């Protein structure tokens, strides 16, 4: 799909981006986990102290994919780019849009002197695992995901 435009996200993209995030959450059977509001999402990306950046894929004037990332710091490796979400709307998957978004994110990390990029993939998400295996990825089965919720 050569007519797909990959560009940096702008504030006006936030509602469409959040819709794609909810589509991903539904695919992962966790829509009930999405608690961020559009106002908070927008403020966190475009307010006075943004904590995330993103690329969007635009097709026929519609946002059809996103790659959302933020800074992470490793005491062993230094600055790392953390890829939070790579999402392409279901009806357009398999058309190289995810690859274009992923490649743009990799290029961003390389040109901005990050030491690498890290991300997670669900162990049952075979299409995503197979996608990432096309790159020079290292899968780590040694560490467990751990989180603490402050608002429960």
C-alpha atoms as a PDB file:
ATOM      1  CA  UNK A   1       0.000   0.000   0.000  1.00  0.00           C
ATOM      2  CA  UNK A   2       2.163   2.811  -1.267  1.00  0.00           C
ATOM      3  CA  UNK A   3      -0.482   5.427  -0.508  1.00  0.00           C
ATOM      4  CA  UNK A   4      -0.137   4.920   3.272  1.00  0.00           C
ATOM      5  CA  UNK A   5       1.517   7.907   4.927  1.00  0.00           C
ATOM      6  CA  UNK A   6       3.677   7.329   8.022  1.00  0.00           C
ATOM      7  CA  UNK A   7       4.149  10.498  10.058  1.00  0.00           C
ATOM      8  CA  UNK A   8       4.681  11.739  13.603  1.00  0.00           C
ATOM      9  CA  UNK A   9       1.458  11.921  15.571  1.00  0.00           C
ATOM     10  CA  UNK A  10      -0.115  15.307  16.248  1.00  0.00           C
ATOM     11  CA  UNK A  11      -2.567  16.264  18.978  1.00  0.00           C
ATOM     12  CA  UNK A  12      -5.549  16.010  16.621  1.00  0.00           C
ATOM     13  CA  UNK A  13      -4.771  12.289  16.147  1.00  0.00           C
ATOM     14  CA  UNK A  14      -5.363  11.375  19.801  1.00  0.00           C
ATOM     15  CA  UNK A  15      -9.041  10.324  19.545  1.00  0.00           C
ATOM     16  CA  UNK A  16      -8.292   8.027  16.594  1.00  0.00           C
ATOM     17  CA  UNK A  17      -5.206   6.675  18.336  1.00  0.00           C
ATOM     18  CA  UNK A  18      -7.195   5.884  21.467  1.00  0.00           C
ATOM     19  CA  UNK A  19      -9.770   4.073  19.328  1.00  0.00           C
ATOM     20  CA  UNK A  20      -6.982   1.868  17.932  1.00  0.00           C
ATOM     21  CA  UNK A  21      -5.649   1.235  21.436  1.00  0.00           C
ATOM     22  CA  UNK A  22      -9.123   0.076  22.460  1.00  0.00           C
ATOM     23  CA  UNK A  23      -9.295  -2.130  19.353  1.00  0.00           C
ATOM     24  CA  UNK A  24      -6.017  -3.735  20.427  1.00  0.00           C
ATOM     25  CA  UNK A  25      -7.296  -4.178  23.991  1.00  0.00           C
ATOM     26  CA  UNK A  26     -10.414  -5.868  22.662  1.00  0.00           C
ATOM     27  CA  UNK A  27      -8.264  -8.204  20.526  1.00  0.00           C
ATOM     28  CA  UNK A  28      -6.280  -9.035  23.673  1.00  0.00           C
ATOM     29  CA  UNK A  29      -9.545  -9.650  25.585  1.00  0.00           C
ATOM     30  CA  UNK A  30      -8.754  -6.796  27.989  1.00  0.00           C
ATOM     31  CA  UNK A  31     -10.904  -3.863  26.886  1.00  0.00           C
ATOM     32  CA  UNK A  32     -12.069  -3.489  30.493  1.00  0.00           C
ATOM     33  CA  UNK A  33      -8.448  -2.649  31.437  1.00  0.00           C
ATOM     34  CA  UNK A  34      -8.337   0.569  29.366  1.00  0.00           C
ATOM     35  CA  UNK A  35      -8.850   3.327  31.919  1.00  0.00           C
ATOM     36  CA  UNK A  36      -7.052   6.297  30.355  1.00  0.00           C
ATOM     37  CA  UNK A  37      -9.312   9.164  29.296  1.00  0.00           C
ATOM     38  CA  UNK A  38      -8.912  11.052  26.044  1.00  0.00           C
ATOM     39  CA  UNK A  39      -8.007  14.193  28.013  1.00  0.00           C
ATOM     40  CA  UNK A  40      -5.286  12.396  29.989  1.00  0.00           C
ATOM     41  CA  UNK A  41      -3.982  10.626  26.878  1.00  0.00           C
ATOM     42  CA  UNK A  42      -3.779  13.930  24.997  1.00  0.00           C
ATOM     43  CA  UNK A  43      -2.141  15.752  27.914  1.00  0.00           C
ATOM     44  CA  UNK A  44       0.392  12.946  28.386  1.00  0.00           C
ATOM     45  CA  UNK A  45       1.416  13.131  24.742  1.00  0.00           C
ATOM     46  CA  UNK A  46       1.132  16.832  23.969  1.00  0.00           C
ATOM     47  CA  UNK A  47       0.992  18.708  27.268  1.00  0.00           C
ATOM     48  CA  UNK A  48       3.771  20.636  28.975  1.00  0.00           C
ATOM     49  CA  UNK A  49       5.695  17.440  29.875  1.00  0.00           C
ATOM     50  CA  UNK A  50       4.942  14.809  27.221  1.00  0.00           C
ATOM     51  CA  UNK A  51       5.809  11.235  28.218  1.00  0.00           C
ATOM     52  CA  UNK A  52       5.079   9.445  24.952  1.00  0.00           C
ATOM     53  CA  UNK A  53       5.622   9.914  21.240  1.00  0.00           C
ATOM     54  CA  UNK A  54       4.092   8.111  18.307  1.00  0.00           C
ATOM     55  CA  UNK A  55       4.016   7.538  14.606  1.00  0.00           C
ATOM     56  CA  UNK A  56       0.692   7.120  12.842  1.00  0.00           C
ATOM     57  CA  UNK A  57      -0.237   5.442   9.592  1.00  0.00           C
ATOM     58  CA  UNK A  58      -2.733   7.449   7.589  1.00  0.00           C
ATOM     59  CA  UNK A  59      -4.703   5.931   4.726  1.00  0.00           C
ATOM     60  CA  UNK A  60      -7.350   7.823   2.803  1.00  0.00           C
ATOM     61  CA  UNK A  61      -7.447  10.493   5.520  1.00  0.00           C
ATOM     62  CA  UNK A  62      -7.982   7.987   8.338  1.00  0.00           C
ATOM     63  CA  UNK A  63      -5.564   6.898  11.095  1.00  0.00           C
ATOM     64  CA  UNK A  64      -5.263   3.134  10.562  1.00  0.00           C
ATOM     65  CA  UNK A  65      -2.192   2.319  12.638  1.00  0.00           C
ATOM     66  CA  UNK A  66       0.040   3.590  15.426  1.00  0.00           C
ATOM     67  CA  UNK A  67       3.422   2.970  16.961  1.00  0.00           C
ATOM     68  CA  UNK A  68       3.521   4.496  20.443  1.00  0.00           C
ATOM     69  CA  UNK A  69       6.829   4.684  22.310  1.00  0.00           C
ATOM     70  CA  UNK A  70       8.545   6.356  25.241  1.00  0.00           C
ATOM     71  CA  UNK A  71      11.960   6.644  26.890  1.00  0.00           C
ATOM     72  CA  UNK A  72      13.210   3.897  29.153  1.00  0.00           C
ATOM     73  CA  UNK A  73      16.486   3.777  31.000  1.00  0.00           C
ATOM     74  CA  UNK A  74      18.573   0.670  31.607  1.00  0.00           C
ATOM     75  CA  UNK A  75      21.371   0.862  34.145  1.00  0.00           C
ATOM     76  CA  UNK A  76      23.207  -1.679  32.005  1.00  0.00           C
ATOM     77  CA  UNK A  77      22.473  -0.352  28.516  1.00  0.00           C
ATOM     78  CA  UNK A  78      21.593   3.341  28.950  1.00  0.00           C
ATOM     79  CA  UNK A  79      18.777   5.009  27.003  1.00  0.00           C
ATOM     80  CA  UNK A  80      16.356   2.532  25.461  1.00  0.00           C
ATOM     81  CA  UNK A  81      13.264   3.163  23.383  1.00  0.00           C
ATOM     82  CA  UNK A  82      10.247   1.316  24.739  1.00  0.00           C
ATOM     83  CA  UNK A  83       7.621   0.374  22.165  1.00  0.00           C
ATOM     84  CA  UNK A  84       4.350   0.334  24.077  1.00  0.00           C
ATOM     85  CA  UNK A  85       1.957  -0.432  21.232  1.00  0.00           C
ATOM     86  CA  UNK A  86       2.156  -1.287  17.566  1.00  0.00           C
ATOM     87  CA  UNK A  87      -1.399  -1.449  16.232  1.00  0.00           C
ATOM     88  CA  UNK A  88      -2.922  -1.691  12.784  1.00  0.00           C
ATOM     89  CA  UNK A  89      -6.675  -1.782  12.429  1.00  0.00           C
ATOM     90  CA  UNK A  90      -7.835  -5.337  11.820  1.00  0.00           C
ATOM     91  CA  UNK A  91      -9.268  -4.716   8.352  1.00  0.00           C
ATOM     92  CA  UNK A  92      -5.865  -3.542   7.042  1.00  0.00           C
ATOM     93  CA  UNK A  93      -3.521  -6.043   8.665  1.00  0.00           C
ATOM     94  CA  UNK A  94      -1.208  -7.948   6.359  1.00  0.00           C
ATOM     95  CA  UNK A  95      -0.643  -4.961   4.059  1.00  0.00           C
ATOM     96  CA  UNK A  96       2.833  -3.948   5.342  1.00  0.00           C
ATOM     97  CA  UNK A  97       1.477  -1.032   7.418  1.00  0.00           C
ATOM     98  CA  UNK A  98       2.838  -2.494  10.654  1.00  0.00           C
ATOM     99  CA  UNK A  99       6.230  -2.964   9.015  1.00  0.00           C
ATOM    100  CA  UNK A 100       6.291   0.672   7.914  1.00  0.00           C
ATOM    101  CA  UNK A 101       5.390   1.848  11.425  1.00  0.00           C
ATOM    102  CA  UNK A 102       7.913  -0.479  13.064  1.00  0.00           C
ATOM    103  CA  UNK A 103      10.662   0.582  10.658  1.00  0.00           C
ATOM    104  CA  UNK A 104       9.923   4.279  11.322  1.00  0.00           C
ATOM    105  CA  UNK A 105      10.183   3.621  15.060  1.00  0.00           C
ATOM    106  CA  UNK A 106      13.463   1.731  14.662  1.00  0.00           C
ATOM    107  CA  UNK A 107      14.876   4.556  12.558  1.00  0.00           C
ATOM    108  CA  UNK A 108      13.775   7.093  15.172  1.00  0.00           C
ATOM    109  CA  UNK A 109      15.595   5.127  17.884  1.00  0.00           C
ATOM    110  CA  UNK A 110      18.746   4.770  15.826  1.00  0.00           C
ATOM    111  CA  UNK A 111      18.932   8.422  14.751  1.00  0.00           C
ATOM    112  CA  UNK A 112      18.259   9.645  18.301  1.00  0.00           C
ATOM    113  CA  UNK A 113      21.084   7.613  19.844  1.00  0.00           C
ATOM    114  CA  UNK A 114      19.083   5.075  21.815  1.00  0.00           C
ATOM    115  CA  UNK A 115      21.040   1.912  22.619  1.00  0.00           C
ATOM    116  CA  UNK A 116      18.147  -0.276  21.461  1.00  0.00           C
ATOM    117  CA  UNK A 117      14.418  -0.828  21.553  1.00  0.00           C
ATOM    118  CA  UNK A 118      12.474  -3.094  23.881  1.00  0.00           C
ATOM    119  CA  UNK A 119       8.857  -4.228  23.877  1.00  0.00           C
ATOM    120  CA  UNK A 120       6.577  -7.038  24.954  1.00  0.00           C
ATOM    121  CA  UNK A 121       4.478  -9.475  22.982  1.00  0.00           C
ATOM    122  CA  UNK A 122       1.860 -11.845  24.341  1.00  0.00           C
ATOM    123  CA  UNK A 123       3.032 -15.448  24.153  1.00  0.00           C
ATOM    124  CA  UNK A 124      -0.193 -16.510  22.387  1.00  0.00           C
ATOM    125  CA  UNK A 125      -0.052 -13.770  19.725  1.00  0.00           C
ATOM    126  CA  UNK A 126       1.522 -15.870  16.957  1.00  0.00           C
ATOM    127  CA  UNK A 127       1.057 -13.275  14.188  1.00  0.00           C
ATOM    128  CA  UNK A 128       2.934 -10.653  16.250  1.00  0.00           C
ATOM    129  CA  UNK A 129       5.661 -13.103  17.282  1.00  0.00           C
ATOM    130  CA  UNK A 130       6.202 -14.129  13.667  1.00  0.00           C
ATOM    131  CA  UNK A 131       6.300 -10.465  12.615  1.00  0.00           C
ATOM    132  CA  UNK A 132       8.980  -9.595  15.189  1.00  0.00           C
ATOM    133  CA  UNK A 133      11.067 -12.675  14.310  1.00  0.00           C
ATOM    134  CA  UNK A 134      11.727 -11.070  10.907  1.00  0.00           C
ATOM    135  CA  UNK A 135      13.919  -8.543  12.725  1.00  0.00           C
ATOM    136  CA  UNK A 136      17.031  -9.124  14.813  1.00  0.00           C
ATOM    137  CA  UNK A 137      14.927  -9.716  17.943  1.00  0.00           C
ATOM    138  CA  UNK A 138      15.864 -11.542  21.121  1.00  0.00           C
ATOM    139  CA  UNK A 139      13.016 -13.158  23.041  1.00  0.00           C
ATOM    140  CA  UNK A 140      13.579 -13.414  26.797  1.00  0.00           C
ATOM    141  CA  UNK A 141      11.656 -16.102  28.675  1.00  0.00           C
ATOM    142  CA  UNK A 142      13.569 -15.586  31.920  1.00  0.00           C
ATOM    143  CA  UNK A 143      11.905 -12.414  33.281  1.00  0.00           C
ATOM    144  CA  UNK A 144       8.343 -12.085  34.547  1.00  0.00           C
ATOM    145  CA  UNK A 145       6.146  -9.026  34.058  1.00  0.00           C
ATOM    146  CA  UNK A 146       5.355  -7.325  37.354  1.00  0.00           C
ATOM    147  CA  UNK A 147       3.161  -4.290  38.058  1.00  0.00           C
ATOM    148  CA  UNK A 148       1.558  -2.438  40.929  1.00  0.00           C
ATOM    149  CA  UNK A 149      -1.641  -0.474  40.365  1.00  0.00           C
ATOM    150  CA  UNK A 150      -2.034   2.775  42.289  1.00  0.00           C
ATOM    151  CA  UNK A 151      -5.701   3.452  41.495  1.00  0.00           C
ATOM    152  CA  UNK A 152      -7.381   0.175  42.455  1.00  0.00           C
END
